[in-house]
PDB file of N, CA and C in Angstrom:
ATOM      1  N   MET A   1     113.465  84.617 118.726  1.00  0.00           N
ATOM      2  CA  MET A   1     113.232  83.763 116.932  1.00  0.00           C
ATOM      3  C   MET A   1     113.440  85.180 116.585  1.00  0.00           C
ATOM      4  N   ALA A   2     114.689  85.611 115.437  1.00  0.00           N
ATOM      5  CA  ALA A   2     115.206  86.897 115.233  1.00  0.00           C
ATOM      6  C   ALA A   2     114.220  87.184 114.500  1.00  0.00           C
ATOM      7  N   ARG A   3     113.708  87.899 114.112  1.00  0.00           N
ATOM      8  CA  ARG A   3     113.247  89.292 112.584  1.00  0.00           C
ATOM      9  C   ARG A   3     114.050  89.158 111.855  1.00  0.00           C
ATOM     10  N   THR A   4     113.009  88.923 110.326  1.00  0.00           N
ATOM     11  CA  THR A   4     113.647  89.594 108.893  1.00  0.00           C
ATOM     12  C   THR A   4     113.531  90.024 108.548  1.00  0.00           C
ATOM     13  N   SER A   5     114.224  91.138 107.915  1.00  0.00           N
ATOM     14  CA  SER A   5     113.482  92.272 107.477  1.00  0.00           C
ATOM     15  C   SER A   5     115.190  92.854 106.511  1.00  0.00           C
ATOM     16  N   ILE A   6     113.585  92.659 105.046  1.00  0.00           N
ATOM     17  CA  ILE A   6     114.196  92.710 103.845  1.00  0.00           C
ATOM     18  C   ILE A   6     114.799  94.082 102.759  1.00  0.00           C
ATOM     19  N   ARG A   7     114.989  94.449 102.379  1.00  0.00           N
ATOM     20  CA  ARG A   7     114.640  96.916 101.482  1.00  0.00           C
ATOM     21  C   ARG A   7     114.568  95.926 100.770  1.00  0.00           C
ATOM     22  N   VAL A   8     113.128  97.030 100.042  1.00  0.00           N
ATOM     23  CA  VAL A   8     112.145  96.239  98.664  1.00  0.00           C
ATOM     24  C   VAL A   8     113.189  97.585  97.879  1.00  0.00           C
ATOM     25  N   GLY A   9     114.235  96.330  96.990  1.00  0.00           N
ATOM     26  CA  GLY A   9     114.404  97.461  95.665  1.00  0.00           C
ATOM     27  C   GLY A   9     113.526  97.824  94.500  1.00  0.00           C
ATOM     28  N   LEU A  10     113.160  98.885  94.523  1.00  0.00           N
ATOM     29  CA  LEU A  10     112.358  99.254  93.290  1.00  0.00           C
ATOM     30  C   LEU A  10     113.374 100.210  91.910  1.00  0.00           C
ATOM     31  N   THR A  11     112.780  99.967  90.251  1.00  0.00           N
ATOM     32  CA  THR A  11     113.191 100.376  89.511  1.00  0.00           C
ATOM     33  C   THR A  11     112.597 101.896  89.009  1.00  0.00           C
ATOM     34  N   ASP A  12     112.654 101.937  88.013  1.00  0.00           N
ATOM     35  CA  ASP A  12     113.228 103.416  87.741  1.00  0.00           C
ATOM     36  C   ASP A  12     110.996 103.055  86.916  1.00  0.00           C
ATOM     37  N   GLU A  13     111.036 101.642  86.303  1.00  0.00           N
ATOM     38  CA  GLU A  13     110.018 101.781  86.032  1.00  0.00           C
ATOM     39  C   GLU A  13     109.127 100.943  87.025  1.00  0.00           C
ATOM     40  N   THR A  14     108.484 100.885  87.817  1.00  0.00           N
ATOM     41  CA  THR A  14     107.641 100.670  88.791  1.00  0.00           C
ATOM     42  C   THR A  14     107.232 102.033  89.469  1.00  0.00           C
ATOM     43  N   GLN A  15     105.868 101.438  89.085  1.00  0.00           N
ATOM     44  CA  GLN A  15     104.580 102.424  89.987  1.00  0.00           C
ATOM     45  C   GLN A  15     103.896 102.199  90.783  1.00  0.00           C
ATOM     46  N   LEU A  16     103.866 102.334  91.590  1.00  0.00           N
ATOM     47  CA  LEU A  16     103.133 102.571  92.388  1.00  0.00           C
ATOM     48  C   LEU A  16     101.460 103.218  92.646  1.00  0.00           C
ATOM     49  N   MET A  17     100.673 102.675  93.525  1.00  0.00           N
ATOM     50  CA  MET A  17      99.541 104.152  93.309  1.00  0.00           C
ATOM     51  C   MET A  17      98.438 102.933  94.370  1.00  0.00           C
ATOM     52  N   ALA A  18      98.195 104.369  94.962  1.00  0.00           N
ATOM     53  CA  ALA A  18      97.289 104.093  96.374  1.00  0.00           C
ATOM     54  C   ALA A  18      95.648 103.298  96.064  1.00  0.00           C
ATOM     55  N   GLY A  19      95.855 102.650  96.331  1.00  0.00           N
ATOM     56  CA  GLY A  19      94.460 101.940  96.463  1.00  0.00           C
ATOM     57  C   GLY A  19      93.260 101.415  97.121  1.00  0.00           C
ATOM     58  N   SER A  20      93.859 101.821  99.378  1.00  0.00           N
ATOM     59  CA  SER A  20      92.588 102.313  99.534  1.00  0.00           C
ATOM     60  C   SER A  20      93.298 103.473 100.970  1.00  0.00           C
ATOM     61  N   LEU A  21      91.977 104.049 101.216  1.00  0.00           N
ATOM     62  CA  LEU A  21      91.869 105.201 102.407  1.00  0.00           C
ATOM     63  C   LEU A  21      92.516 103.469 103.817  1.00  0.00           C
ATOM     64  N   PRO A  22      93.650 104.620 104.525  1.00  0.00           N
ATOM     65  CA  PRO A  22      94.193 103.405 105.519  1.00  0.00           C
ATOM     66  C   PRO A  22      93.395 103.260 106.319  1.00  0.00           C
ATOM     67  N   VAL A  23      93.614 102.643 106.600  1.00  0.00           N
ATOM     68  CA  VAL A  23      93.027 102.021 107.978  1.00  0.00           C
ATOM     69  C   VAL A  23      93.705 101.333 109.029  1.00  0.00           C
ATOM     70  N   ALA A  24      93.006 101.178 110.061  1.00  0.00           N
ATOM     71  CA  ALA A  24      93.840 100.915 111.519  1.00  0.00           C
ATOM     72  C   ALA A  24      94.335  99.948 112.237  1.00  0.00           C
ATOM     73  N   LYS A  25      95.080  99.487 112.155  1.00  0.00           N
ATOM     74  CA  LYS A  25      95.848  98.273 112.595  1.00  0.00           C
ATOM     75  C   LYS A  25      95.561  98.223 113.941  1.00  0.00           C
ATOM     76  N   TRP A  26      95.037  97.239 115.115  1.00  0.00           N
ATOM     77  CA  TRP A  26      94.379  96.684 116.264  1.00  0.00           C
ATOM     78  C   TRP A  26      94.996  95.568 117.111  1.00  0.00           C
ATOM     79  N   THR A  27      95.615  95.748 117.669  1.00  0.00           N
ATOM     80  CA  THR A  27      96.050  95.060 118.822  1.00  0.00           C
ATOM     81  C   THR A  27      95.453  94.097 119.147  1.00  0.00           C
ATOM     82  N   ASP A  28      94.056  94.879 120.214  1.00  0.00           N
ATOM     83  CA  ASP A  28      92.917  93.967 120.304  1.00  0.00           C
ATOM     84  C   ASP A  28      91.931  95.727 119.960  1.00  0.00           C
ATOM     85  N   GLN A  29      90.598  95.267 119.585  1.00  0.00           N
ATOM     86  CA  GLN A  29      90.033  95.441 119.012  1.00  0.00           C
ATOM     87  C   GLN A  29      88.235  95.284 119.771  1.00  0.00           C
ATOM     88  N   GLU A  30      88.629  94.643 120.246  1.00  0.00           N
ATOM     89  CA  GLU A  30      87.122  95.049 121.491  1.00  0.00           C
ATOM     90  C   GLU A  30      87.783  95.368 122.873  1.00  0.00           C
ATOM     91  N   LYS A  31      89.175  95.601 122.392  1.00  0.00           N
ATOM     92  CA  LYS A  31      89.287  95.958 123.822  1.00  0.00           C
ATOM     93  C   LYS A  31      89.386  97.932 123.939  1.00  0.00           C
ATOM     94  N   GLY A  32      89.946  97.969 122.319  1.00  0.00           N
ATOM     95  CA  GLY A  32      90.073  99.078 121.695  1.00  0.00           C
ATOM     96  C   GLY A  32      91.708  99.683 121.815  1.00  0.00           C
ATOM     97  N   GLU A  33      92.302  98.591 121.155  1.00  0.00           N
ATOM     98  CA  GLU A  33      92.774  98.388 122.041  1.00  0.00           C
ATOM     99  C   GLU A  33      95.071  98.595 120.333  1.00  0.00           C
ATOM    100  N   ARG A  34      94.977  99.656 120.254  1.00  0.00           N
ATOM    101  CA  ARG A  34      95.397 100.421 118.747  1.00  0.00           C
ATOM    102  C   ARG A  34      96.703  99.444 118.777  1.00  0.00           C
ATOM    103  N   ALA A  35      97.573  99.183 117.588  1.00  0.00           N
ATOM    104  CA  ALA A  35      98.373  98.716 117.216  1.00  0.00           C
ATOM    105  C   ALA A  35      99.648  99.926 116.801  1.00  0.00           C
ATOM    106  N   LEU A  36     100.634 100.175 117.635  1.00  0.00           N
ATOM    107  CA  LEU A  36     101.708 101.615 117.855  1.00  0.00           C
ATOM    108  C   LEU A  36     102.932 101.120 117.008  1.00  0.00           C
ATOM    109  N   ASP A  37     103.733 101.705 116.678  1.00  0.00           N
ATOM    110  CA  ASP A  37     105.083 101.594 116.857  1.00  0.00           C
ATOM    111  C   ASP A  37     105.542 101.681 117.838  1.00  0.00           C
ATOM    112  N   ARG A  38     106.830 100.167 117.053  1.00  0.00           N
ATOM    113  CA  ARG A  38     107.333 100.398 118.473  1.00  0.00           C
ATOM    114  C   ARG A  38     108.791 101.762 119.084  1.00  0.00           C
ATOM    115  N   ASP A  39     109.279 102.357 116.888  1.00  0.00           N
ATOM    116  CA  ASP A  39     110.009 103.399 118.431  1.00  0.00           C
ATOM    117  C   ASP A  39     109.376 104.814 118.088  1.00  0.00           C
ATOM    118  N   THR A  40     108.320 104.626 117.279  1.00  0.00           N
ATOM    119  CA  THR A  40     107.402 106.494 117.338  1.00  0.00           C
ATOM    120  C   THR A  40     106.364 106.336 118.464  1.00  0.00           C
ATOM    121  N   ASN A  41     106.072 104.774 118.735  1.00  0.00           N
ATOM    122  CA  ASN A  41     104.804 105.331 119.600  1.00  0.00           C
ATOM    123  C   ASN A  41     103.568 106.002 118.766  1.00  0.00           C
ATOM    124  N   SER A  42     103.108 105.568 117.920  1.00  0.00           N
ATOM    125  CA  SER A  42     102.471 106.703 116.411  1.00  0.00           C
ATOM    126  C   SER A  42     101.551 105.013 116.202  1.00  0.00           C
ATOM    127  N   PRO A  43     100.502 105.455 116.236  1.00  0.00           N
ATOM    128  CA  PRO A  43      99.471 104.573 115.599  1.00  0.00           C
ATOM    129  C   PRO A  43     100.121 104.079 114.533  1.00  0.00           C
ATOM    130  N   LEU A  44      99.786 102.728 114.231  1.00  0.00           N
ATOM    131  CA  LEU A  44     100.198 102.604 112.988  1.00  0.00           C
ATOM    132  C   LEU A  44      98.558 102.173 111.822  1.00  0.00           C
ATOM    133  N   TYR A  45      98.976 102.342 110.110  1.00  0.00           N
ATOM    134  CA  TYR A  45      98.013 101.834 109.422  1.00  0.00           C
ATOM    135  C   TYR A  45      98.029 101.268 108.327  1.00  0.00           C
ATOM    136  N   THR A  46      96.941 100.594 107.855  1.00  0.00           N
ATOM    137  CA  THR A  46      97.641 100.166 106.513  1.00  0.00           C
ATOM    138  C   THR A  46      97.049 100.823 105.514  1.00  0.00           C
ATOM    139  N   VAL A  47      97.675  99.998 103.956  1.00  0.00           N
ATOM    140  CA  VAL A  47      96.262 101.209 102.755  1.00  0.00           C
ATOM    141  C   VAL A  47      97.292  99.893 102.322  1.00  0.00           C
ATOM    142  N   MET A  48      96.330  99.707 101.671  1.00  0.00           N
ATOM    143  CA  MET A  48      96.983  98.516  99.955  1.00  0.00           C
ATOM    144  C   MET A  48      97.321  99.241  98.434  1.00  0.00           C
ATOM    145  N   ILE A  49      98.696  98.971  98.423  1.00  0.00           N
ATOM    146  CA  ILE A  49      99.163  99.725  97.512  1.00  0.00           C
ATOM    147  C   ILE A  49      99.620  98.191  96.074  1.00  0.00           C
ATOM    148  N   PHE A  50      99.472  99.514  95.177  1.00  0.00           N
ATOM    149  CA  PHE A  50      99.034  97.962  94.370  1.00  0.00           C
ATOM    150  C   PHE A  50     100.736  98.933  93.198  1.00  0.00           C
ATOM    151  N   LEU A  51     101.737  97.733  92.448  1.00  0.00           N
ATOM    152  CA  LEU A  51     102.477  97.396  92.606  1.00  0.00           C
ATOM    153  C   LEU A  51     102.385  97.606  91.531  1.00  0.00           C
ATOM    154  N   MET A  52     103.380  97.764  90.331  1.00  0.00           N
ATOM    155  CA  MET A  52     103.358  97.918  88.975  1.00  0.00           C
ATOM    156  C   MET A  52     103.909  98.111  87.968  1.00  0.00           C
ATOM    157  N   GLU A  53     104.937  97.167  87.463  1.00  0.00           N
ATOM    158  CA  GLU A  53     106.169  97.128  86.922  1.00  0.00           C
ATOM    159  C   GLU A  53     105.880  96.644  85.626  1.00  0.00           C
ATOM    160  N   GLY A  54     105.914  96.795  84.141  1.00  0.00           N
ATOM    161  CA  GLY A  54     105.680  96.231  83.441  1.00  0.00           C
ATOM    162  C   GLY A  54     104.582  95.954  82.361  1.00  0.00           C
ATOM    163  N   GLU A  55     104.226  94.204  82.664  1.00  0.00           N
ATOM    164  CA  GLU A  55     102.974  93.598  82.673  1.00  0.00           C
ATOM    165  C   GLU A  55     102.050  93.396  83.890  1.00  0.00           C
ATOM    166  N   ARG A  56     103.303  93.349  85.005  1.00  0.00           N
ATOM    167  CA  ARG A  56     102.785  92.716  86.171  1.00  0.00           C
ATOM    168  C   ARG A  56     102.829  93.724  87.338  1.00  0.00           C
ATOM    169  N   ALA A  57     101.875  93.469  87.469  1.00  0.00           N
ATOM    170  CA  ALA A  57     101.086  94.495  89.069  1.00  0.00           C
ATOM    171  C   ALA A  57     100.458  93.432  89.649  1.00  0.00           C
ATOM    172  N   GLU A  58     100.746  94.021  91.161  1.00  0.00           N
ATOM    173  CA  GLU A  58     100.764  93.155  92.079  1.00  0.00           C
ATOM    174  C   GLU A  58      99.703  94.489  93.648  1.00  0.00           C
ATOM    175  N   ALA A  59      98.977  93.508  94.221  1.00  0.00           N
ATOM    176  CA  ALA A  59      98.400  94.842  96.137  1.00  0.00           C
ATOM    177  C   ALA A  59      99.735  94.368  96.814  1.00  0.00           C
ATOM    178  N   LEU A  60      99.761  94.825  97.558  1.00  0.00           N
ATOM    179  CA  LEU A  60     100.534  95.442  98.674  1.00  0.00           C
ATOM    180  C   LEU A  60      99.500  96.129  99.795  1.00  0.00           C
ATOM    181  N   LYS A  61      98.973  94.855 100.561  1.00  0.00           N
ATOM    182  CA  LYS A  61      99.507  95.657 102.272  1.00  0.00           C
ATOM    183  C   LYS A  61     100.728  96.432 102.982  1.00  0.00           C
ATOM    184  N   VAL A  62     101.397  97.706 103.161  1.00  0.00           N
ATOM    185  CA  VAL A  62     101.797  98.248 103.748  1.00  0.00           C
ATOM    186  C   VAL A  62     101.285  99.666 105.014  1.00  0.00           C
ATOM    187  N   THR A  63     101.466  98.197 106.069  1.00  0.00           N
ATOM    188  CA  THR A  63     101.688  98.529 106.911  1.00  0.00           C
ATOM    189  C   THR A  63     102.909 100.968 107.545  1.00  0.00           C
ATOM    190  N   VAL A  64     102.105 101.726 108.094  1.00  0.00           N
ATOM    191  CA  VAL A  64     102.568 102.420 107.948  1.00  0.00           C
ATOM    192  C   VAL A  64     101.717 103.781 109.320  1.00  0.00           C
ATOM    193  N   PRO A  65     103.578 104.222 109.963  1.00  0.00           N
ATOM    194  CA  PRO A  65     102.713 104.937 110.857  1.00  0.00           C
ATOM    195  C   PRO A  65     102.691 106.662 110.653  1.00  0.00           C
ATOM    196  N   GLN A  66     101.209 106.600 111.754  1.00  0.00           N
ATOM    197  CA  GLN A  66      99.937 108.002 110.738  1.00  0.00           C
ATOM    198  C   GLN A  66     101.447 108.700 110.794  1.00  0.00           C
ATOM    199  N   THR A  67     102.673 108.975 111.463  1.00  0.00           N
ATOM    200  CA  THR A  67     103.165 110.352 111.595  1.00  0.00           C
ATOM    201  C   THR A  67     103.288 110.151 109.316  1.00  0.00           C
ATOM    202  N   GLY A  68     103.768 109.468 109.399  1.00  0.00           N
ATOM    203  CA  GLY A  68     103.748 108.779 107.958  1.00  0.00           C
ATOM    204  C   GLY A  68     102.564 108.952 106.535  1.00  0.00           C
ATOM    205  N   LEU A  69     102.080 109.220 106.825  1.00  0.00           N
ATOM    206  CA  LEU A  69     100.986 109.459 106.195  1.00  0.00           C
ATOM    207  C   LEU A  69     100.288 110.814 105.813  1.00  0.00           C
ATOM    208  N   PRO A  70     100.711 110.905 104.336  1.00  0.00           N
ATOM    209  CA  PRO A  70     100.421 112.143 104.003  1.00  0.00           C
ATOM    210  C   PRO A  70      98.681 112.782 103.689  1.00  0.00           C
ATOM    211  N   ASP A  71      98.707 113.872 103.112  1.00  0.00           N
ATOM    212  CA  ASP A  71      97.456 114.906 103.019  1.00  0.00           C
ATOM    213  C   ASP A  71      97.983 114.164 101.922  1.00  0.00           C
ATOM    214  N   GLY A  72      96.089 114.435 101.092  1.00  0.00           N
ATOM    215  CA  GLY A  72      96.231 113.493 100.010  1.00  0.00           C
ATOM    216  C   GLY A  72      95.460 112.851  99.754  1.00  0.00           C
ATOM    217  N   LEU A  73      96.089 111.723 100.567  1.00  0.00           N
ATOM    218  CA  LEU A  73      96.502 110.582 100.431  1.00  0.00           C
ATOM    219  C   LEU A  73      94.511 109.630  99.765  1.00  0.00           C
ATOM    220  N   LYS A  74      94.360 109.552  98.876  1.00  0.00           N
ATOM    221  CA  LYS A  74      93.290 108.622  98.261  1.00  0.00           C
ATOM    222  C   LYS A  74      93.467 107.546  97.420  1.00  0.00           C
ATOM    223  N   PRO A  75      91.880 107.105  97.258  1.00  0.00           N
ATOM    224  CA  PRO A  75      92.417 105.522  96.298  1.00  0.00           C
ATOM    225  C   PRO A  75      92.638 105.902  94.407  1.00  0.00           C
ATOM    226  N   GLY A  76      93.399 105.848  93.362  1.00  0.00           N
ATOM    227  CA  GLY A  76      93.600 106.558  92.376  1.00  0.00           C
ATOM    228  C   GLY A  76      94.736 107.350  92.324  1.00  0.00           C
ATOM    229  N   VAL A  77      95.495 108.021  93.477  1.00  0.00           N
ATOM    230  CA  VAL A  77      97.165 109.031  93.259  1.00  0.00           C
ATOM    231  C   VAL A  77      97.770 107.625  93.678  1.00  0.00           C
ATOM    232  N   PRO A  78      98.939 108.169  92.544  1.00  0.00           N
ATOM    233  CA  PRO A  78     100.430 107.870  92.269  1.00  0.00           C
ATOM    234  C   PRO A  78     101.376 108.220  93.817  1.00  0.00           C
ATOM    235  N   VAL A  79     101.677 107.125  94.954  1.00  0.00           N
ATOM    236  CA  VAL A  79     102.554 107.463  95.574  1.00  0.00           C
ATOM    237  C   VAL A  79     103.911 106.558  95.398  1.00  0.00           C
ATOM    238  N   GLN A  80     104.992 106.761  96.957  1.00  0.00           N
ATOM    239  CA  GLN A  80     105.824 106.659  97.072  1.00  0.00           C
ATOM    240  C   GLN A  80     106.245 106.295  98.290  1.00  0.00           C
ATOM    241  N   THR A  81     107.385 105.411  97.854  1.00  0.00           N
ATOM    242  CA  THR A  81     107.518 104.696  99.589  1.00  0.00           C
ATOM    243  C   THR A  81     108.751 104.819  99.780  1.00  0.00           C
ATOM    244  N   VAL A  82     109.149 104.813 101.302  1.00  0.00           N
ATOM    245  CA  VAL A  82     109.760 105.406 101.332  1.00  0.00           C
ATOM    246  C   VAL A  82     111.027 104.367 103.034  1.00  0.00           C
ATOM    247  N   ASP A  83     111.866 103.552 103.158  1.00  0.00           N
ATOM    248  CA  ASP A  83     112.076 103.129 103.396  1.00  0.00           C
ATOM    249  C   ASP A  83     111.592 101.708 103.638  1.00  0.00           C
ATOM    250  N   LEU A  84     110.585 101.069 102.059  1.00  0.00           N
ATOM    251  CA  LEU A  84     110.292  99.931 101.983  1.00  0.00           C
ATOM    252  C   LEU A  84     110.666  98.632 102.182  1.00  0.00           C
ATOM    253  N   MET A  85     109.960  97.799 102.997  1.00  0.00           N
ATOM    254  CA  MET A  85     110.990  96.683 103.867  1.00  0.00           C
ATOM    255  C   MET A  85     109.035  95.633 103.755  1.00  0.00           C
ATOM    256  N   ALA A  86     109.951  94.245 103.530  1.00  0.00           N
ATOM    257  CA  ALA A  86     109.593  92.710 103.335  1.00  0.00           C
ATOM    258  C   ALA A  86     109.868  92.246 104.978  1.00  0.00           C
ATOM    259  N   ASN A  87     109.032  91.623 105.576  1.00  0.00           N
ATOM    260  CA  ASN A  87     109.094  91.370 106.429  1.00  0.00           C
ATOM    261  C   ASN A  87     108.325  89.779 106.319  1.00  0.00           C
ATOM    262  N   PRO A  88     108.887  89.405 105.852  1.00  0.00           N
ATOM    263  CA  PRO A  88     108.949  87.296 105.856  1.00  0.00           C
ATOM    264  C   PRO A  88     108.226  87.204 107.219  1.00  0.00           C
ATOM    265  N   TRP A  89     106.789  85.662 107.052  1.00  0.00           N
ATOM    266  CA  TRP A  89     106.616  85.510 108.539  1.00  0.00           C
ATOM    267  C   TRP A  89     105.535  83.867 108.096  1.00  0.00           C
ATOM    268  N   ALA A  90     106.493  82.958 109.432  1.00  0.00           N
ATOM    269  CA  ALA A  90     105.082  82.346 109.572  1.00  0.00           C
ATOM    270  C   ALA A  90     104.965  81.542 110.437  1.00  0.00           C
ATOM    271  N   ASN A  91     103.352  80.503 110.279  1.00  0.00           N
ATOM    272  CA  ASN A  91     103.126  80.559 112.033  1.00  0.00           C
ATOM    273  C   ASN A  91     102.855  78.545 112.664  1.00  0.00           C
ATOM    274  N   LEU A  92     102.666  77.876 113.282  1.00  0.00           N
ATOM    275  CA  LEU A  92     102.110  77.153 112.877  1.00  0.00           C
ATOM    276  C   LEU A  92     100.942  76.643 113.526  1.00  0.00           C
ATOM    277  N   PHE A  93     100.010  76.588 113.240  1.00  0.00           N
ATOM    278  CA  PHE A  93      99.214  76.151 114.331  1.00  0.00           C
ATOM    279  C   PHE A  93      97.475  74.920 113.575  1.00  0.00           C
ATOM    280  N   ASN A  94      97.560  74.158 114.796  1.00  0.00           N
ATOM    281  CA  ASN A  94      97.164  72.438 114.571  1.00  0.00           C
ATOM    282  C   ASN A  94      97.373  72.137 113.182  1.00  0.00           C
ATOM    283  N   GLY A  95      98.790  72.054 113.280  1.00  0.00           N
ATOM    284  CA  GLY A  95     100.007  71.425 112.376  1.00  0.00           C
ATOM    285  C   GLY A  95      99.346  71.873 111.236  1.00  0.00           C
ATOM    286  N   GLN A  96      99.308  73.328 110.635  1.00  0.00           N
ATOM    287  CA  GLN A  96      99.527  73.021 109.482  1.00  0.00           C
ATOM    288  C   GLN A  96     100.348  75.531 109.659  1.00  0.00           C
ATOM    289  N   VAL A  97     100.842  75.105 108.419  1.00  0.00           N
ATOM    290  CA  VAL A  97     101.855  76.169 108.387  1.00  0.00           C
ATOM    291  C   VAL A  97     101.200  77.043 107.817  1.00  0.00           C
ATOM    292  N   SER A  98     100.925  78.397 107.810  1.00  0.00           N
ATOM    293  CA  SER A  98     100.989  79.830 107.296  1.00  0.00           C
ATOM    294  C   SER A  98     102.034  81.090 107.506  1.00  0.00           C
ATOM    295  N   SER A  99     102.116  80.691 106.335  1.00  0.00           N
ATOM    296  CA  SER A  99     103.407  82.116 105.056  1.00  0.00           C
ATOM    297  C   SER A  99     103.230  82.652 104.740  1.00  0.00           C
ATOM    298  N   GLY A 100     104.023  84.044 104.748  1.00  0.00           N
ATOM    299  CA  GLY A 100     103.417  85.747 104.052  1.00  0.00           C
ATOM    300  C   GLY A 100     104.506  86.533 104.228  1.00  0.00           C
ATOM    301  N   VAL A 101     104.480  87.505 103.564  1.00  0.00           N
ATOM    302  CA  VAL A 101     105.449  89.030 103.700  1.00  0.00           C
ATOM    303  C   VAL A 101     104.507  90.196 104.157  1.00  0.00           C
ATOM    304  N   ALA A 102     104.365  90.281 104.494  1.00  0.00           N
ATOM    305  CA  ALA A 102     104.248  91.921 105.461  1.00  0.00           C
ATOM    306  C   ALA A 102     105.532  93.126 104.927  1.00  0.00           C
ATOM    307  N   TYR A 103     104.494  94.229 104.662  1.00  0.00           N
ATOM    308  CA  TYR A 103     105.262  94.708 103.729  1.00  0.00           C
ATOM    309  C   TYR A 103     105.028  96.430 105.197  1.00  0.00           C
ATOM    310  N   ARG A 104     106.783  97.166 105.696  1.00  0.00           N
ATOM    311  CA  ARG A 104     106.536  97.935 106.428  1.00  0.00           C
ATOM    312  C   ARG A 104     106.596  99.314 105.389  1.00  0.00           C
ATOM    313  N   ALA A 105     106.067 100.466 105.388  1.00  0.00           N
ATOM    314  CA  ALA A 105     107.014 102.183 105.564  1.00  0.00           C
ATOM    315  C   ALA A 105     106.794 102.448 106.464  1.00  0.00           C
ATOM    316  N   LYS A 106     108.245 103.741 106.381  1.00  0.00           N
ATOM    317  CA  LYS A 106     108.750 104.774 107.337  1.00  0.00           C
ATOM    318  C   LYS A 106     107.702 104.900 106.649  1.00  0.00           C
ATOM    319  N   ALA A 107     106.915 105.850 106.146  1.00  0.00           N
ATOM    320  CA  ALA A 107     106.481 106.541 104.936  1.00  0.00           C
ATOM    321  C   ALA A 107     105.375 106.163 103.505  1.00  0.00           C
ATOM    322  N   LEU A 108     105.045 107.401 103.180  1.00  0.00           N
ATOM    323  CA  LEU A 108     104.284 107.023 101.681  1.00  0.00           C
ATOM    324  C   LEU A 108     104.445 108.608 101.474  1.00  0.00           C
ATOM    325  N   VAL A 109     104.491 109.420 100.159  1.00  0.00           N
ATOM    326  CA  VAL A 109     105.168 110.066  99.716  1.00  0.00           C
ATOM    327  C   VAL A 109     103.801 110.438  98.550  1.00  0.00           C
ATOM    328  N   VAL A 110     102.944 111.497  98.288  1.00  0.00           N
ATOM    329  CA  VAL A 110     101.527 111.759  97.530  1.00  0.00           C
ATOM    330  C   VAL A 110     102.943 112.389  96.390  1.00  0.00           C
ATOM    331  N   GLY A 111     102.278 111.158  94.609  1.00  0.00           N
ATOM    332  CA  GLY A 111     102.882 112.408  93.726  1.00  0.00           C
ATOM    333  C   GLY A 111     104.176 111.318  92.808  1.00  0.00           C
ATOM    334  N   GLU A 112     103.948 111.380  91.975  1.00  0.00           N
ATOM    335  CA  GLU A 112     105.054 110.824  91.264  1.00  0.00           C
ATOM    336  C   GLU A 112     106.178 111.053  90.591  1.00  0.00           C
ATOM    337  N   SER A 113     106.231 112.063  90.977  1.00  0.00           N
ATOM    338  CA  SER A 113     108.446 112.277  90.632  1.00  0.00           C
ATOM    339  C   SER A 113     108.690 111.990  92.949  1.00  0.00           C
ATOM    340  N   ALA A 114     108.046 111.894  93.455  1.00  0.00           N
ATOM    341  CA  ALA A 114     108.046 111.428  94.780  1.00  0.00           C
ATOM    342  C   ALA A 114     109.176 110.224  94.289  1.00  0.00           C
ATOM    343  N   GLN A 115     110.487 110.349  95.356  1.00  0.00           N
ATOM    344  CA  GLN A 115     111.750 109.740  95.905  1.00  0.00           C
ATOM    345  C   GLN A 115     110.901 108.353  97.313  1.00  0.00           C
TER     346      GLN A 115
END
């Protein structure tokens, strides 16, 4: 099955803010197996990011490799994403379809002026 990745375009008005500390991703937590980036083999983390545009706000759970996590990342600090991608997904289980969008970035940068 082909995987689709869609680059997320952000406007100059878009503001991003960290909503959580990074949380480790696991492939099997009971066995202690960490989820790793396919390209770099770096451990993966998820960070809640608040995206605000005009009067609209959304919470996005973004996966980032450990190598892309900056010092000073904590809830409430402004951040920017590097190569933010949206990956639609769908699963069929017991006749029920669940679907959503997974977000992934190469890195996060702390500060409002980050590109």
